[in-house]
C-alpha atoms as a PDB file:
ATOM      1  CA  MET A   1       0.000   0.000   0.000  1.00  0.00           C
ATOM      2  CA  ASP A   2       1.478   3.331  -1.037  1.00  0.00           C
ATOM      3  CA  ILE A   3       1.282   6.058   1.565  1.00  0.00           C
ATOM      4  CA  ALA A   4       0.978   9.542   0.168  1.00  0.00           C
ATOM      5  CA  ARG A   5       3.956  11.703   1.054  1.00  0.00           C
ATOM      6  CA  PRO A   6       3.502  15.397   1.799  1.00  0.00           C
ATOM      7  CA  ALA A   7       4.065  17.845  -1.023  1.00  0.00           C
ATOM      8  CA  ALA A   8       7.476  19.474  -1.223  1.00  0.00           C
ATOM      9  CA  GLY A   9       7.629  22.635   0.833  1.00  0.00           C
ATOM     10  CA  SER A  10       4.658  21.808   3.050  1.00  0.00           C
ATOM     11  CA  ALA A  11       5.314  22.454   6.728  1.00  0.00           C
ATOM     12  CA  VAL A  12       5.431  19.486   9.074  1.00  0.00           C
ATOM     13  CA  PRO A  13       4.785  20.277  12.727  1.00  0.00           C
ATOM     14  CA  PRO A  14       7.961  19.507  14.738  1.00  0.00           C
ATOM     15  CA  ARG A  15       5.974  17.420  17.216  1.00  0.00           C
ATOM     16  CA  THR A  16       4.704  15.191  14.388  1.00  0.00           C
ATOM     17  CA  LEU A  17       8.168  14.774  12.941  1.00  0.00           C
ATOM     18  CA  LEU A  18       9.638  13.922  16.365  1.00  0.00           C
ATOM     19  CA  ARG A  19       6.894  11.348  16.962  1.00  0.00           C
ATOM     20  CA  GLU A  20       7.574   9.721  13.593  1.00  0.00           C
ATOM     21  CA  LEU A  21      11.328   9.706  14.221  1.00  0.00           C
ATOM     22  CA  ALA A  22      10.693   8.047  17.597  1.00  0.00           C
ATOM     23  CA  ILE A  23       8.614   5.363  15.866  1.00  0.00           C
ATOM     24  CA  ALA A  24      11.367   4.715  13.308  1.00  0.00           C
ATOM     25  CA  VAL A  25      14.054   4.620  16.004  1.00  0.00           C
ATOM     26  CA  THR A  26      11.947   2.196  18.063  1.00  0.00           C
ATOM     27  CA  TRP A  27      11.786  -0.187  15.098  1.00  0.00           C
ATOM     28  CA  LEU A  28      15.547   0.131  14.504  1.00  0.00           C
ATOM     29  CA  ALA A  29      16.290  -0.355  18.214  1.00  0.00           C
ATOM     30  CA  ALA A  30      14.143  -3.503  18.338  1.00  0.00           C
ATOM     31  CA  VAL A  31      15.952  -4.928  15.313  1.00  0.00           C
ATOM     32  CA  GLY A  32      19.323  -3.953  16.785  1.00  0.00           C
ATOM     33  CA  LEU A  33      18.672  -5.527  20.170  1.00  0.00           C
ATOM     34  CA  ILE A  34      17.384  -8.721  18.569  1.00  0.00           C
ATOM     35  CA  ALA A  35      20.520  -8.814  16.394  1.00  0.00           C
ATOM     36  CA  VAL A  36      22.652  -8.505  19.530  1.00  0.00           C
ATOM     37  CA  GLY A  37      20.728 -11.444  21.024  1.00  0.00           C
ATOM     38  CA  VAL A  38      21.260 -13.544  17.912  1.00  0.00           C
ATOM     39  CA  SER A  39      24.982 -12.735  18.040  1.00  0.00           C
ATOM     40  CA  GLY A  40      24.969 -14.047  21.618  1.00  0.00           C
ATOM     41  CA  LEU A  41      23.460 -17.318  20.440  1.00  0.00           C
ATOM     42  CA  LEU A  42      26.038 -17.503  17.649  1.00  0.00           C
ATOM     43  CA  ALA A  43      28.834 -16.798  20.149  1.00  0.00           C
ATOM     44  CA  ALA A  44      27.493 -19.643  22.318  1.00  0.00           C
ATOM     45  CA  MET A  45      27.582 -21.958  19.283  1.00  0.00           C
ATOM     46  CA  PHE A  46      31.155 -20.864  18.567  1.00  0.00           C
ATOM     47  CA  GLY A  47      32.031 -21.580  22.199  1.00  0.00           C
ATOM     48  CA  ALA A  48      30.483 -25.041  22.030  1.00  0.00           C
ATOM     49  CA  ALA A  49      32.190 -25.898  18.744  1.00  0.00           C
ATOM     50  CA  LEU A  50      35.555 -24.136  19.050  1.00  0.00           C
ATOM     51  CA  GLY A  51      35.952 -23.596  22.783  1.00  0.00           C
ATOM     52  CA  ARG A  52      35.229 -20.687  25.099  1.00  0.00           C
ATOM     53  CA  ASP A  53      38.721 -19.299  24.536  1.00  0.00           C
ATOM     54  CA  PHE A  54      37.771 -18.600  20.894  1.00  0.00           C
ATOM     55  CA  VAL A  55      34.947 -16.371  22.127  1.00  0.00           C
ATOM     56  CA  ALA A  56      36.305 -14.853  25.334  1.00  0.00           C
ATOM     57  CA  GLY A  57      39.931 -15.766  25.920  1.00  0.00           C
ATOM     58  CA  ASP A  58      42.391 -13.069  26.898  1.00  0.00           C
ATOM     59  CA  ARG A  59      44.767 -11.988  24.157  1.00  0.00           C
ATOM     60  CA  PRO A  60      48.465 -12.816  24.551  1.00  0.00           C
ATOM     61  CA  GLY A  61      50.243 -10.489  26.948  1.00  0.00           C
ATOM     62  CA  VAL A  62      47.190  -9.764  29.097  1.00  0.00           C
ATOM     63  CA  THR A  63      47.938 -10.291  32.780  1.00  0.00           C
ATOM     64  CA  SER A  64      45.765  -9.849  35.826  1.00  0.00           C
ATOM     65  CA  THR A  65      46.725  -8.745  39.319  1.00  0.00           C
ATOM     66  CA  SER A  66      46.391 -11.257  42.131  1.00  0.00           C
ATOM     67  CA  ALA A  67      43.360  -9.326  43.429  1.00  0.00           C
ATOM     68  CA  ARG A  68      41.717  -9.495  39.996  1.00  0.00           C
ATOM     69  CA  CYS A  69      42.488 -13.217  39.778  1.00  0.00           C
ATOM     70  CA  ALA A  70      40.822 -13.754  43.152  1.00  0.00           C
ATOM     71  CA  ASP A  71      37.731 -11.912  41.893  1.00  0.00           C
ATOM     72  CA  LEU A  72      37.643 -13.984  38.710  1.00  0.00           C
ATOM     73  CA  ARG A  73      38.004 -17.263  40.611  1.00  0.00           C
ATOM     74  CA  GLU A  74      34.812 -16.401  42.519  1.00  0.00           C
ATOM     75  CA  TYR A  75      32.957 -16.643  39.197  1.00  0.00           C
ATOM     76  CA  ALA A  76      34.812 -19.788  38.118  1.00  0.00           C
ATOM     77  CA  PRO A  77      35.865 -21.726  41.231  1.00  0.00           C
ATOM     78  CA  GLY A  78      36.763 -24.803  39.166  1.00  0.00           C
ATOM     79  CA  ALA A  79      39.188 -22.963  36.887  1.00  0.00           C
ATOM     80  CA  ASN A  80      42.791 -24.161  36.948  1.00  0.00           C
ATOM     81  CA  THR A  81      44.403 -20.816  36.110  1.00  0.00           C
ATOM     82  CA  CYS A  82      43.599 -17.148  36.332  1.00  0.00           C
ATOM     83  CA  ARG A  83      43.360 -17.062  32.518  1.00  0.00           C
ATOM     84  CA  ASP A  84      40.796 -19.895  32.577  1.00  0.00           C
ATOM     85  CA  ALA A  85      38.762 -18.070  35.223  1.00  0.00           C
ATOM     86  CA  ALA A  86      38.850 -14.889  33.125  1.00  0.00           C
ATOM     87  CA  THR A  87      37.676 -16.816  30.065  1.00  0.00           C
ATOM     88  CA  VAL A  88      34.741 -18.351  31.953  1.00  0.00           C
ATOM     89  CA  HIS A  89      33.764 -14.962  33.380  1.00  0.00           C
ATOM     90  CA  HIS A  90      34.021 -13.055  30.095  1.00  0.00           C
ATOM     91  CA  TYR A  91      32.293 -15.815  28.140  1.00  0.00           C
ATOM     92  CA  GLY A  92      29.302 -15.610  30.472  1.00  0.00           C
ATOM     93  CA  GLU A  93      29.146 -11.841  30.051  1.00  0.00           C
ATOM     94  CA  ILE A  94      29.385 -11.999  26.263  1.00  0.00           C
ATOM     95  CA  VAL A  95      26.766 -14.699  25.792  1.00  0.00           C
ATOM     96  CA  ASP A  96      24.366 -13.928  28.646  1.00  0.00           C
ATOM     97  CA  TYR A  97      24.282 -10.146  28.248  1.00  0.00           C
ATOM     98  CA  ARG A  98      23.775 -10.392  24.513  1.00  0.00           C
ATOM     99  CA  ILE A  99      20.925 -12.872  24.917  1.00  0.00           C
ATOM    100  CA  ALA A 100      19.357 -10.606  27.562  1.00  0.00           C
ATOM    101  CA  ALA A 101      19.563  -7.699  25.082  1.00  0.00           C
ATOM    102  CA  GLY A 102      17.852  -9.884  22.485  1.00  0.00           C
ATOM    103  CA  LEU A 103      14.995 -10.656  24.878  1.00  0.00           C
ATOM    104  CA  LEU A 104      14.614  -6.933  25.554  1.00  0.00           C
ATOM    105  CA  GLY A 105      14.508  -6.409  21.784  1.00  0.00           C
ATOM    106  CA  LEU A 106      11.755  -9.011  21.430  1.00  0.00           C
ATOM    107  CA  GLY A 107       9.736  -7.150  24.069  1.00  0.00           C
ATOM    108  CA  LEU A 108      10.267  -3.880  22.229  1.00  0.00           C
ATOM    109  CA  LEU A 109       9.277  -5.534  18.951  1.00  0.00           C
ATOM    110  CA  CYS A 110       6.059  -6.830  20.537  1.00  0.00           C
ATOM    111  CA  ALA A 111       5.235  -3.314  21.750  1.00  0.00           C
ATOM    112  CA  TYR A 112       5.979  -1.926  18.288  1.00  0.00           C
ATOM    113  CA  LEU A 113       3.789  -4.542  16.583  1.00  0.00           C
ATOM    114  CA  PHE A 114       0.984  -3.855  19.051  1.00  0.00           C
ATOM    115  CA  ALA A 115       1.202  -0.142  18.225  1.00  0.00           C
ATOM    116  CA  ARG A 116       1.325  -0.936  14.516  1.00  0.00           C
ATOM    117  CA  ARG A 117      -1.796  -3.057  14.778  1.00  0.00           C
ATOM    118  CA  ARG A 118      -3.521  -0.078  16.395  1.00  0.00           C
ATOM    119  CA  ARG A 119      -2.230   2.091  13.519  1.00  0.00           C
ATOM    120  CA  TRP A 120      -0.135   4.235  15.851  1.00  0.00           C
ATOM    121  CA  THR A 121       3.064   3.808  13.808  1.00  0.00           C
ATOM    122  CA  GLU A 122       2.352   5.914  10.735  1.00  0.00           C
ATOM    123  CA  THR A 123       5.450   7.713   9.471  1.00  0.00           C
ATOM    124  CA  SER A 124       4.053   9.418   6.381  1.00  0.00           C
ATOM    125  CA  HIS A 125       6.231  12.526   6.802  1.00  0.00           C
ATOM    126  CA  LEU A 126       9.520  10.611   6.698  1.00  0.00           C
ATOM    127  CA  PRO A 127      11.069   9.559   3.395  1.00  0.00           C
ATOM    128  CA  ALA A 128       9.793   6.146   2.279  1.00  0.00           C
ATOM    129  CA  ALA A 129      13.222   4.513   2.628  1.00  0.00           C
ATOM    130  CA  PHE A 130      14.279   6.259   5.852  1.00  0.00           C
ATOM    131  CA  THR A 131      14.554   3.225   8.143  1.00  0.00           C
ATOM    132  CA  SER A 132      16.071   1.088   5.397  1.00  0.00           C
ATOM    133  CA  THR A 133      18.729   3.712   4.694  1.00  0.00           C
ATOM    134  CA  VAL A 134      19.601   4.117   8.363  1.00  0.00           C
ATOM    135  CA  GLY A 135      19.540   0.349   8.908  1.00  0.00           C
ATOM    136  CA  VAL A 136      21.825  -0.514   6.002  1.00  0.00           C
ATOM    137  CA  SER A 137      24.215   2.275   7.030  1.00  0.00           C
ATOM    138  CA  VAL A 138      24.446   1.436  10.726  1.00  0.00           C
ATOM    139  CA  PHE A 139      24.460  -2.351  10.441  1.00  0.00           C
ATOM    140  CA  GLY A 140      26.675  -2.257   7.354  1.00  0.00           C
ATOM    141  CA  LEU A 141      29.319  -0.176   9.126  1.00  0.00           C
ATOM    142  CA  ALA A 142      29.090  -2.344  12.240  1.00  0.00           C
ATOM    143  CA  GLY A 143      29.406  -5.516  10.177  1.00  0.00           C
ATOM    144  CA  VAL A 144      32.422  -4.283   8.234  1.00  0.00           C
ATOM    145  CA  ALA A 145      34.165  -3.009  11.386  1.00  0.00           C
ATOM    146  CA  LEU A 146      33.537  -6.172  13.420  1.00  0.00           C
ATOM    147  CA  LEU A 147      34.483  -8.546  10.609  1.00  0.00           C
ATOM    148  CA  ALA A 148      37.637  -6.549   9.872  1.00  0.00           C
ATOM    149  CA  PHE A 149      38.597  -6.515  13.549  1.00  0.00           C
ATOM    150  CA  SER A 150      38.043 -10.267  13.928  1.00  0.00           C
ATOM    151  CA  ALA A 151      40.069 -10.921  10.766  1.00  0.00           C
ATOM    152  CA  ASN A 152      42.864  -8.714  12.093  1.00  0.00           C
ATOM    153  CA  LEU A 153      42.933 -10.657  15.372  1.00  0.00           C
ATOM    154  CA  ALA A 154      43.008 -13.967  13.488  1.00  0.00           C
ATOM    155  CA  VAL A 155      45.867 -12.784  11.266  1.00  0.00           C
ATOM    156  CA  LEU A 156      47.905 -12.029  14.392  1.00  0.00           C
ATOM    157  CA  GLY A 157      48.039 -15.793  14.915  1.00  0.00           C
ATOM    158  CA  ASP A 158      46.043 -16.231  18.116  1.00  0.00           C
ATOM    159  CA  LEU A 159      42.314 -16.948  17.878  1.00  0.00           C
ATOM    160  CA  SER A 160      41.525 -15.947  21.468  1.00  0.00           C
ATOM    161  CA  SER A 161      38.441 -13.692  21.592  1.00  0.00           C
ATOM    162  CA  VAL A 162      37.980 -13.667  17.801  1.00  0.00           C
ATOM    163  CA  GLY A 163      34.538 -15.262  18.150  1.00  0.00           C
ATOM    164  CA  GLN A 164      32.971 -12.397  20.059  1.00  0.00           C
ATOM    165  CA  TYR A 165      33.688  -9.980  17.197  1.00  0.00           C
ATOM    166  CA  LEU A 166      33.071 -12.516  14.435  1.00  0.00           C
ATOM    167  CA  SER A 167      29.617 -13.394  15.794  1.00  0.00           C
ATOM    168  CA  GLY A 168      28.631  -9.723  15.934  1.00  0.00           C
ATOM    169  CA  GLY A 169      30.048  -9.060  12.483  1.00  0.00           C
ATOM    170  CA  ILE A 170      28.210 -11.948  10.855  1.00  0.00           C
ATOM    171  CA  VAL A 171      24.868 -10.968  12.360  1.00  0.00           C
ATOM    172  CA  SER A 172      25.373  -7.271  11.529  1.00  0.00           C
ATOM    173  CA  ALA A 173      26.199  -8.152   7.913  1.00  0.00           C
ATOM    174  CA  VAL A 174      23.059 -10.288   7.590  1.00  0.00           C
ATOM    175  CA  VAL A 175      20.857  -7.539   9.053  1.00  0.00           C
ATOM    176  CA  ALA A 176      22.519  -4.958   6.774  1.00  0.00           C
ATOM    177  CA  ALA A 177      21.762  -7.196   3.785  1.00  0.00           C
ATOM    178  CA  ALA A 178      18.109  -7.415   4.835  1.00  0.00           C
ATOM    179  CA  PHE A 179      17.898  -3.624   5.128  1.00  0.00           C
ATOM    180  CA  ALA A 180      19.685  -3.287   1.764  1.00  0.00           C
ATOM    181  CA  TRP A 181      17.053  -5.524   0.175  1.00  0.00           C
ATOM    182  CA  SER A 182      14.317  -3.392   1.739  1.00  0.00           C
ATOM    183  CA  LEU A 183      16.028  -0.213   0.520  1.00  0.00           C
ATOM    184  CA  LEU A 184      16.405  -1.569  -2.992  1.00  0.00           C
ATOM    185  CA  SER A 185      12.748  -2.627  -3.043  1.00  0.00           C
ATOM    186  CA  ALA A 186      11.661   0.825  -1.878  1.00  0.00           C
ATOM    187  CA  LEU A 187      13.804   2.553  -4.487  1.00  0.00           C
ATOM    188  CA  LEU A 188      12.724   0.307  -7.359  1.00  0.00           C
ATOM    189  CA  GLY A 189       9.084   0.406  -6.293  1.00  0.00           C
ATOM    190  CA  ARG A 190       9.002   4.193  -6.201  1.00  0.00           C
ATOM    191  CA  LYS A 191       7.094   5.820  -9.046  1.00  0.00           C
ATOM    192  CA  SER A 192       9.062   7.934 -11.452  1.00  0.00           C
ATOM    193  CA  PRO A 193       8.680  11.704 -10.886  1.00  0.00           C
ATOM    194  CA  THR A 194       7.835  12.095 -14.568  1.00  0.00           C
ATOM    195  CA  ALA A 195       5.013   9.533 -14.509  1.00  0.00           C
END
């Protein structure tokens, strides 16, 4: 269904524009939080398949004070070394916090869909491809940065902690591709100004 866009030069009340921006940002935030949750699940799969060190191990040269080691051993009493305790602790943070963010995103998505069903999410004053453009830009940049960083770590010869960045990069790239498809559809579906 095509939504009529306002004529060029027509004034849009600032309150209306802010409300529509808030709606668009809510959608993007829900997608972003769910993507973070999916990256947590992917990190957990990496940990199960390749070991927790791949996801959360300290890089070579990282040392902890004896006080820090004592703190870490509280989280991982069965760990043999301080490095093992740090890996267990960081792995839990990476996976659990990301999954918690994903659950928050699902809640936000449910609220958004409820509002959409009530027709409270109209954004007729924003450009038709606004959310797609922002989504492909943000997730595309995040995907490129995270994948490049994980590749750089891998090239250095030690795979410790590569998985936390790789999981985020993969998910960001997939979400960016979905937004790119939406953007392309919006651009190709738009009527020609001369028609």
